[in-house]
Amino acid sequence: MNFEEMTIEQIEERKAAIGVEIEGEDADLNALEEEVRSLNAELEARKDAEAKKVEIRKAVAAGEVGEVVKKIEEERKDMRTNEEVRASKEYVDAFARYLVSENDAEVRSLLTESVDGGSVPVPAMVDDIIRTAWEKNDILSRTTRREIRGNLKVAFERVASAAGVHTEGAAAPDEETLKLGIVTMVPANIKKWIRVSDEAIAMGGAALVQYVYDELTYQIVKKLSDLVVNDIKTASTSATSVAACVAQITSAPTVTAIANAYANLSDEATDPVIIMNKLTYANFVAAQASANYSIDPFMGLPVVFNNSLPAYSAASSGNVYAIVGDLKGETVNYPEGDGVALKYDDVSEAEKDLVKIVGRQYAAHALTACGRFTNIKKGS
């Protein structure tokens, strides 16, 4: 029986009915006793609830309702996790004020758990902005990603002999020839800053946070992807003890250029892509059209565009204008995570009603494997 759905009158009627039932010869006295206890407990709970309502009504009449509501809200807030707090509107609004004032007291007061490293966690919406920017970037999303604090050293094979076959009774195979190199990755700050008007600052809340992080994150991610391409483009064709190497061919954008570049990759290049300027893509399509038969100059490989590589028509003799390779051969390390740190300056250009916001990403990047890429150079 659900006592919570019964009115007080119904509870009293049931108790009276039980008083009659216990006189019957077949009455289950234990069950009836337990039911009476439950009914009495329900009545007591309702009396307590009514007493609390009376206290709240008195507090309202005395003007103390704000303190009562605040206490209830604080108790409820303490039950939330940091993730739930970071997803709340109040945290986003407080974080927007923190961007402007750089005073983190209000933001920290909302958090219910200590934060690692003492840094103020960004709102959940910022995590989504940064994650989307990284995932949408066709270059960075394919690299080997690390989050190791400080300088990172990555070993790579310079020379390695193949395994041998040993038949029973034959001489033991020769010891493997193995030479390793070590790439040291030293992180640096990638920065981008923008000026925003006082009117933009006045947007406040989620609008301000999204506007700032969308713009700065996009530009920082774009710059980092350009640096990754430059690592490959400028790599030597010979490995050293501190630097990995790439293969290299010289060719115009012909229907066989990509195939020749692909043929120079090692077996470890398992997920190759083609990186080029969009204008160069048109040159390959023109070569395909002039071949007069159906052939895919790209060999079915994904084409990733990056305009930090020169267009073939604008490249000088000897310039790398396209890359074929597996981007897992490039490592990007984020010692402080992939978040974007912001600095706010409302003083230097106050007379123009402009505010500077500087975004910073701490990262290291390097080519960390041989045989994973082939550079295509323009001939004379």
Protein backbone atom coordinates (compact mmCIF):
# COMPACT_ATOMS: atom_id res chain seq x y z
CA MET A 1 0.00 0.00 0.00
CA ASN A 2 1.37 3.43 -0.95
CA PHE A 3 0.82 5.58 2.13
CA GLU A 4 2.30 8.69 0.42
CA GLU A 5 -0.74 8.88 -1.88
CA MET A 6 -3.22 8.78 1.02
CA THR A 7 -4.66 11.88 2.64
CA ILE A 8 -4.41 12.36 6.40
CA GLU A 9 -8.12 11.52 6.71
CA GLN A 10 -7.60 8.25 4.82
CA ILE A 11 -4.67 7.34 7.07
CA GLU A 12 -6.77 7.92 10.19
CA GLU A 13 -9.63 5.87 8.69
CA ARG A 14 -7.23 3.02 7.95
CA LYS A 15 -5.90 3.05 11.51
CA ALA A 16 -9.48 2.83 12.81
CA ALA A 17 -10.20 -0.06 10.45
CA ILE A 18 -7.13 -1.92 11.71
CA GLY A 19 -8.47 -1.53 15.26
CA VAL A 20 -11.49 -3.56 14.15
CA GLU A 21 -9.55 -6.12 12.09
CA ILE A 22 -7.32 -7.20 15.01
CA GLU A 23 -10.39 -8.65 16.75
CA GLY A 24 -10.94 -11.17 13.96
CA GLU A 25 -9.93 -14.81 14.50
CA ASP A 26 -7.86 -14.96 11.27
CA ALA A 27 -6.16 -11.55 11.71
CA ASP A 28 -2.44 -11.38 10.88
CA LEU A 29 -1.41 -9.43 13.94
CA ASN A 30 2.25 -9.03 12.87
CA ALA A 31 1.31 -7.58 9.49
CA LEU A 32 -1.30 -5.26 11.01
CA GLU A 33 1.18 -4.07 13.65
CA GLU A 34 3.75 -3.29 10.94
CA GLU A 35 1.12 -1.41 8.92
CA VAL A 36 0.19 0.73 11.92
CA ARG A 37 3.84 1.62 12.48
CA SER A 38 4.16 2.66 8.82
CA LEU A 39 1.02 4.78 9.03
CA ASN A 40 2.27 6.51 12.19
CA ALA A 41 5.68 7.16 10.54
CA GLU A 42 3.94 8.74 7.54
CA LEU A 43 1.92 10.99 9.82
CA GLU A 44 5.07 12.11 11.68
CA ALA A 45 6.86 12.87 8.39
CA ARG A 46 3.97 15.02 7.26
CA LYS A 47 3.94 16.88 10.59
CA ASP A 48 7.66 17.63 10.20
CA ALA A 49 7.13 18.86 6.63
CA GLU A 50 4.30 21.11 7.75
CA ALA A 51 6.47 22.49 10.56
CA LYS A 52 9.20 23.38 8.05
CA LYS A 53 6.65 25.17 5.88
CA VAL A 54 5.57 27.19 8.90
CA GLU A 55 9.20 28.19 9.56
CA ILE A 56 9.69 29.25 5.94
CA ARG A 57 6.49 31.31 6.05
CA LYS A 58 7.78 33.04 9.18
CA ALA A 59 11.12 33.71 7.46
CA VAL A 60 9.32 35.23 4.49
CA ALA A 61 7.30 37.45 6.76
CA ALA A 62 10.47 38.52 8.59
CA GLY A 63 12.36 39.25 5.35
CA GLU A 64 14.85 36.40 5.82
CA VAL A 65 13.82 34.36 2.79
CA GLY A 66 16.99 35.32 0.90
CA GLU A 67 19.16 33.62 3.50
CA VAL A 68 17.00 30.48 3.45
CA VAL A 69 17.08 30.23 -0.36
CA LYS A 70 20.81 30.93 -0.43
CA LYS A 71 21.46 28.14 2.08
CA ILE A 72 19.41 25.68 0.03
CA GLU A 73 21.20 26.71 -3.20
CA GLU A 74 24.62 26.37 -1.56
CA GLU A 75 23.78 22.88 -0.31
CA ARG A 76 22.62 21.88 -3.81
CA LYS A 77 25.70 23.48 -5.44
CA ASP A 78 28.07 21.55 -3.17
CA MET A 79 26.64 18.32 -4.55
CA ARG A 80 27.71 19.13 -8.14
CA THR A 81 30.94 17.94 -9.72
CA ASN A 82 33.40 20.33 -11.35
CA GLU A 83 32.24 19.11 -14.76
CA GLU A 84 28.64 20.03 -13.93
CA VAL A 85 29.73 23.42 -12.62
CA ARG A 86 31.80 24.13 -15.76
CA ALA A 87 28.74 23.41 -17.92
CA SER A 88 26.54 25.86 -16.00
CA LYS A 89 25.57 29.36 -17.17
CA GLU A 90 26.74 30.92 -13.90
CA TYR A 91 30.25 29.54 -14.46
CA VAL A 92 30.36 30.78 -18.07
CA ASP A 93 29.28 34.26 -16.95
CA ALA A 94 31.86 34.28 -14.14
CA PHE A 95 34.56 33.10 -16.56
CA ALA A 96 33.69 35.93 -18.96
CA ARG A 97 34.17 38.42 -16.13
CA TYR A 98 37.47 36.70 -15.27
CA LEU A 99 38.68 37.23 -18.87
CA VAL A 100 38.07 40.94 -18.49
CA SER A 101 39.32 41.45 -14.93
CA GLU A 102 41.82 38.54 -14.58
CA ASN A 103 40.45 38.16 -11.05
CA ASP A 104 39.72 34.45 -10.60
CA ALA A 105 38.17 34.61 -7.11
CA GLU A 106 34.58 34.40 -8.35
CA VAL A 107 35.34 31.53 -10.74
CA ARG A 108 37.15 29.52 -8.07
CA SER A 109 34.35 30.05 -5.55
CA LEU A 110 31.99 28.15 -7.84
CA LEU A 111 34.23 25.10 -8.14
CA THR A 112 33.49 22.22 -5.79
CA GLU A 113 36.81 20.39 -6.19
CA SER A 114 40.45 21.47 -6.20
CA VAL A 115 41.98 22.02 -9.66
CA ASP A 116 45.23 20.47 -10.85
CA GLY A 117 48.15 22.86 -11.14
CA GLY A 118 46.16 25.78 -9.76
CA SER A 119 44.92 26.92 -13.19
CA VAL A 120 41.31 27.95 -13.64
CA PRO A 121 39.40 25.36 -15.70
CA VAL A 122 37.73 26.73 -18.80
CA PRO A 123 33.96 26.28 -19.25
CA ALA A 124 32.81 23.06 -20.89
CA MET A 125 31.82 25.00 -24.02
CA VAL A 126 35.47 26.05 -24.49
CA ASP A 127 36.55 22.39 -24.38
CA ASP A 128 34.13 21.77 -27.24
CA ILE A 129 35.45 24.74 -29.24
CA ILE A 130 39.08 23.61 -28.89
CA ARG A 131 38.32 19.94 -29.52
CA THR A 132 36.34 20.81 -32.64
CA ALA A 133 39.13 23.04 -33.96
CA TRP A 134 41.73 20.28 -33.48
CA GLU A 135 39.53 17.54 -34.92
CA LYS A 136 38.52 19.61 -37.95
CA ASN A 137 42.14 20.33 -38.82
CA ASP A 138 43.04 17.54 -41.25
CA ILE A 139 46.75 17.80 -40.44
CA LEU A 140 46.90 18.02 -36.63
CA SER A 141 44.18 15.40 -36.18
CA ARG A 142 46.41 12.87 -37.96
CA THR A 143 49.67 13.55 -36.09
CA THR A 144 50.99 11.60 -33.10
CA ARG A 145 49.77 13.51 -30.05
CA ARG A 146 51.49 13.71 -26.67
CA GLU A 147 50.94 15.65 -23.43
CA ILE A 148 54.32 15.29 -21.70
CA ARG A 149 55.56 18.11 -19.46
CA GLY A 150 58.89 19.70 -20.32
CA ASN A 151 61.15 18.76 -23.21
CA LEU A 152 60.27 15.47 -24.93
CA LYS A 153 62.88 13.13 -26.43
CA VAL A 154 61.69 10.70 -29.11
CA ALA A 155 63.90 7.90 -30.43
CA PHE A 156 63.71 6.84 -34.08
CA GLU A 157 65.42 4.23 -36.30
CA ARG A 158 68.16 5.61 -38.51
CA VAL A 159 69.36 2.23 -39.80
CA ALA A 160 67.91 -1.23 -39.10
CA SER A 161 68.76 -4.48 -40.86
CA ALA A 162 66.06 -6.99 -41.78
CA ALA A 163 65.38 -10.20 -39.87
CA GLY A 164 67.01 -13.39 -41.22
CA VAL A 165 65.92 -17.00 -41.68
CA HIS A 166 67.69 -19.61 -39.56
CA THR A 167 67.37 -23.23 -40.61
CA GLU A 168 68.33 -26.08 -38.30
CA GLY A 169 72.06 -26.82 -38.31
CA ALA A 170 72.97 -23.64 -40.21
CA ALA A 171 75.13 -20.85 -38.82
CA ALA A 172 73.36 -18.36 -36.59
CA PRO A 173 72.13 -15.24 -38.38
CA ASP A 174 74.13 -12.05 -38.04
CA GLU A 175 73.31 -9.65 -35.25
CA GLU A 176 70.90 -6.89 -36.24
CA THR A 177 72.44 -3.62 -37.30
CA LEU A 178 70.53 -0.91 -35.49
CA LYS A 179 71.31 2.78 -35.26
CA LEU A 180 69.00 5.07 -33.37
CA GLY A 181 68.57 8.80 -33.41
CA ILE A 182 66.91 11.00 -30.78
CA VAL A 183 64.79 14.02 -31.60
CA THR A 184 64.53 16.55 -28.76
CA MET A 185 61.28 18.47 -28.83
CA VAL A 186 61.45 21.84 -27.06
CA PRO A 187 58.05 23.54 -26.60
CA ALA A 188 57.44 27.17 -27.49
CA ASN A 189 54.51 29.56 -27.26
CA ILE A 190 52.30 30.01 -30.31
CA LYS A 191 50.52 33.32 -29.85
CA LYS A 192 47.73 35.22 -31.52
CA TRP A 193 46.13 38.41 -30.30
CA ILE A 194 43.13 40.42 -31.39
CA ARG A 195 41.66 43.80 -30.61
CA VAL A 196 38.03 43.90 -29.59
CA SER A 197 35.84 46.91 -28.91
CA ASP A 198 34.29 47.82 -25.60
CA GLU A 199 30.96 46.99 -27.24
CA ALA A 200 32.13 43.42 -27.84
CA ILE A 201 33.28 43.16 -24.21
CA ALA A 202 29.84 44.36 -23.17
CA MET A 203 28.32 41.23 -24.76
CA GLY A 204 29.58 39.31 -21.74
CA GLY A 205 28.73 35.73 -20.85
CA ALA A 206 28.75 32.91 -23.38
CA ALA A 207 28.73 35.27 -26.37
CA LEU A 208 32.04 36.88 -25.34
CA VAL A 209 33.71 33.58 -24.40
CA GLN A 210 32.71 31.90 -27.66
CA TYR A 211 33.70 34.91 -29.81
CA VAL A 212 37.19 35.13 -28.30
CA TYR A 213 37.98 31.41 -28.20
CA ASP A 214 36.58 30.71 -31.69
CA GLU A 215 38.84 33.30 -33.30
CA LEU A 216 42.04 32.73 -31.32
CA THR A 217 41.82 28.93 -31.32
CA TYR A 218 41.28 28.83 -35.09
CA GLN A 219 44.32 31.01 -35.76
CA ILE A 220 46.58 29.13 -33.33
CA VAL A 221 45.57 25.72 -34.72
CA LYS A 222 46.15 26.97 -38.26
CA LYS A 223 49.63 28.25 -37.35
CA LEU A 224 50.56 25.00 -35.65
CA SER A 225 49.48 22.97 -38.67
CA ASP A 226 51.62 25.22 -40.89
CA LEU A 227 54.61 24.55 -38.62
CA VAL A 228 54.02 20.80 -38.89
CA VAL A 229 54.05 21.05 -42.70
CA ASN A 230 57.24 23.09 -42.53
CA ASP A 231 58.93 20.39 -40.42
CA ILE A 232 58.35 17.92 -43.24
CA LYS A 233 59.04 20.32 -46.11
CA THR A 234 62.44 21.38 -44.75
CA ALA A 235 63.59 17.93 -43.54
CA SER A 236 66.79 16.47 -44.97
CA THR A 237 66.94 13.35 -47.12
CA SER A 238 69.62 11.95 -44.77
CA ALA A 239 68.99 11.18 -41.11
CA THR A 240 71.35 12.36 -38.38
CA SER A 241 71.61 11.41 -34.73
CA VAL A 242 69.20 14.23 -33.87
CA ALA A 243 66.89 14.51 -36.90
CA ALA A 244 64.74 12.12 -38.92
CA CYS A 245 64.66 12.21 -42.71
CA VAL A 246 62.27 12.17 -45.67
CA ALA A 247 62.43 10.90 -49.24
CA GLN A 248 62.37 13.31 -52.13
CA ILE A 249 61.52 13.32 -55.84
CA THR A 250 61.48 16.01 -58.50
CA SER A 251 58.42 16.07 -60.72
CA ALA A 252 55.76 18.24 -62.30
CA PRO A 253 52.10 17.59 -61.39
CA THR A 254 51.72 14.60 -63.71
CA VAL A 255 49.40 11.62 -63.43
CA THR A 256 52.30 9.51 -62.09
CA ALA A 257 53.90 12.04 -59.68
CA ILE A 258 51.93 10.89 -56.63
CA ALA A 259 52.56 7.23 -57.45
CA ASN A 260 56.32 7.86 -57.64
CA ALA A 261 56.23 9.69 -54.29
CA TYR A 262 54.16 6.93 -52.70
CA ALA A 263 56.64 4.30 -53.92
CA ASN A 264 59.38 5.93 -51.82
CA LEU A 265 57.51 5.45 -48.52
CA SER A 266 58.46 2.72 -46.05
CA ASP A 267 56.13 -0.11 -45.08
CA GLU A 268 55.46 1.69 -41.78
CA ALA A 269 53.64 4.51 -43.63
CA THR A 270 50.24 2.85 -43.31
CA ASP A 271 47.87 5.81 -43.56
CA PRO A 272 49.31 8.19 -46.18
CA VAL A 273 47.72 11.43 -47.35
CA ILE A 274 48.64 14.07 -49.91
CA ILE A 275 49.32 17.64 -48.73
CA MET A 276 49.27 20.49 -51.25
CA ASN A 277 48.08 23.99 -52.07
CA LYS A 278 44.59 24.17 -53.56
CA LEU A 279 45.96 25.76 -56.73
CA THR A 280 48.29 22.77 -57.20
CA TYR A 281 45.28 20.46 -57.00
CA ALA A 282 44.00 22.14 -60.16
CA ASN A 283 47.31 21.32 -61.93
CA PHE A 284 46.90 17.62 -61.15
CA VAL A 285 43.30 17.66 -62.38
CA ALA A 286 44.48 19.32 -65.60
CA ALA A 287 47.08 16.54 -66.03
CA GLN A 288 44.34 13.98 -65.52
CA ALA A 289 42.15 15.63 -68.17
CA SER A 290 44.99 15.80 -70.70
CA ALA A 291 45.75 12.07 -70.30
CA ASN A 292 42.66 11.23 -72.40
CA TYR A 293 41.88 8.14 -70.32
CA SER A 294 40.46 7.42 -66.91
CA ILE A 295 43.18 7.59 -64.27
CA ASP A 296 43.26 8.97 -60.74
CA PRO A 297 46.47 10.96 -60.25
CA PHE A 298 45.84 10.90 -56.47
CA MET A 299 45.69 7.06 -56.24
CA GLY A 300 42.57 7.29 -54.10
CA LEU A 301 44.55 8.90 -51.23
CA PRO A 302 42.96 11.68 -49.16
CA VAL A 303 44.07 15.16 -50.27
CA VAL A 304 44.70 17.61 -47.41
CA PHE A 305 45.01 21.26 -48.33
CA ASN A 306 47.53 23.58 -46.72
CA ASN A 307 48.33 26.83 -48.45
CA SER A 308 51.59 27.34 -46.57
CA LEU A 309 52.97 25.14 -49.36
CA PRO A 310 53.47 27.20 -52.52
CA ALA A 311 51.27 26.62 -55.54
CA TYR A 312 53.16 24.78 -58.28
CA SER A 313 52.77 27.75 -60.63
CA ALA A 314 54.28 30.13 -58.05
CA ALA A 315 57.01 27.79 -56.73
CA SER A 316 60.62 28.39 -57.67
CA SER A 317 62.86 25.65 -58.99
CA GLY A 318 63.75 23.26 -56.15
CA ASN A 319 60.78 24.28 -53.96
CA VAL A 320 58.70 21.56 -52.28
CA TYR A 321 55.12 22.02 -53.50
CA ALA A 322 53.47 18.73 -52.39
CA ILE A 323 53.99 16.06 -49.72
CA VAL A 324 52.89 12.43 -49.65
CA GLY A 325 53.11 10.62 -46.33
CA ASP A 326 51.72 9.32 -43.05
CA LEU A 327 51.31 12.16 -40.55
CA LYS A 328 51.81 9.79 -37.60
CA GLY A 329 55.49 10.30 -38.42
CA GLU A 330 55.13 13.83 -36.99
CA THR A 331 54.72 14.29 -33.23
CA VAL A 332 53.05 17.24 -31.52
CA ASN A 333 53.48 17.60 -27.76
CA TYR A 334 51.25 19.78 -25.55
CA PRO A 335 53.03 20.06 -22.16
CA GLU A 336 50.18 22.06 -20.63
CA GLY A 337 47.34 20.37 -22.50
CA ASP A 338 45.69 21.63 -25.66
CA GLY A 339 43.89 24.54 -23.99
CA VAL A 340 44.41 28.15 -25.05
CA ALA A 341 45.50 30.53 -22.28
CA LEU A 342 44.31 34.15 -22.53
CA LYS A 343 45.71 37.48 -21.35
CA TYR A 344 43.65 40.68 -21.27
CA ASP A 345 44.90 44.26 -21.73
CA ASP A 346 42.40 47.13 -21.45
CA VAL A 347 44.98 49.86 -20.80
CA SER A 348 47.36 50.26 -23.77
CA GLU A 349 44.63 51.33 -26.21
CA ALA A 350 42.00 52.59 -23.82
CA GLU A 351 41.79 55.94 -25.64
CA LYS A 352 40.48 54.05 -28.71
CA ASP A 353 37.95 52.04 -26.70
CA LEU A 354 39.82 48.89 -27.74
CA VAL A 355 40.89 45.91 -25.66
CA LYS A 356 43.70 43.47 -26.49
CA ILE A 357 43.18 39.76 -25.83
CA VAL A 358 46.24 37.53 -26.32
CA GLY A 359 45.86 33.77 -26.81
CA ARG A 360 48.75 31.39 -26.12
CA GLN A 361 49.29 27.69 -26.90
CA TYR A 362 52.38 25.95 -25.51
CA ALA A 363 53.46 23.18 -27.90
CA ALA A 364 56.40 21.37 -29.49
CA HIS A 365 56.43 19.70 -32.90
CA ALA A 366 58.96 17.63 -34.85
CA LEU A 367 59.44 14.94 -37.48
CA THR A 368 60.01 11.77 -35.45
CA ALA A 369 60.23 8.91 -37.98
CA CYS A 370 62.13 8.19 -41.18
CA GLY A 371 60.51 6.78 -44.29
CA ARG A 372 57.09 8.26 -43.57
CA PHE A 373 57.11 11.15 -46.06
CA THR A 374 58.15 12.01 -49.61
CA ASN A 375 58.58 15.63 -50.68
CA ILE A 376 57.78 16.51 -54.30
CA LYS A 377 59.97 19.32 -55.61
CA LYS A 378 59.57 21.47 -58.68
CA GLY A 379 62.20 20.85 -61.30
CA SER A 380 64.05 23.36 -63.41
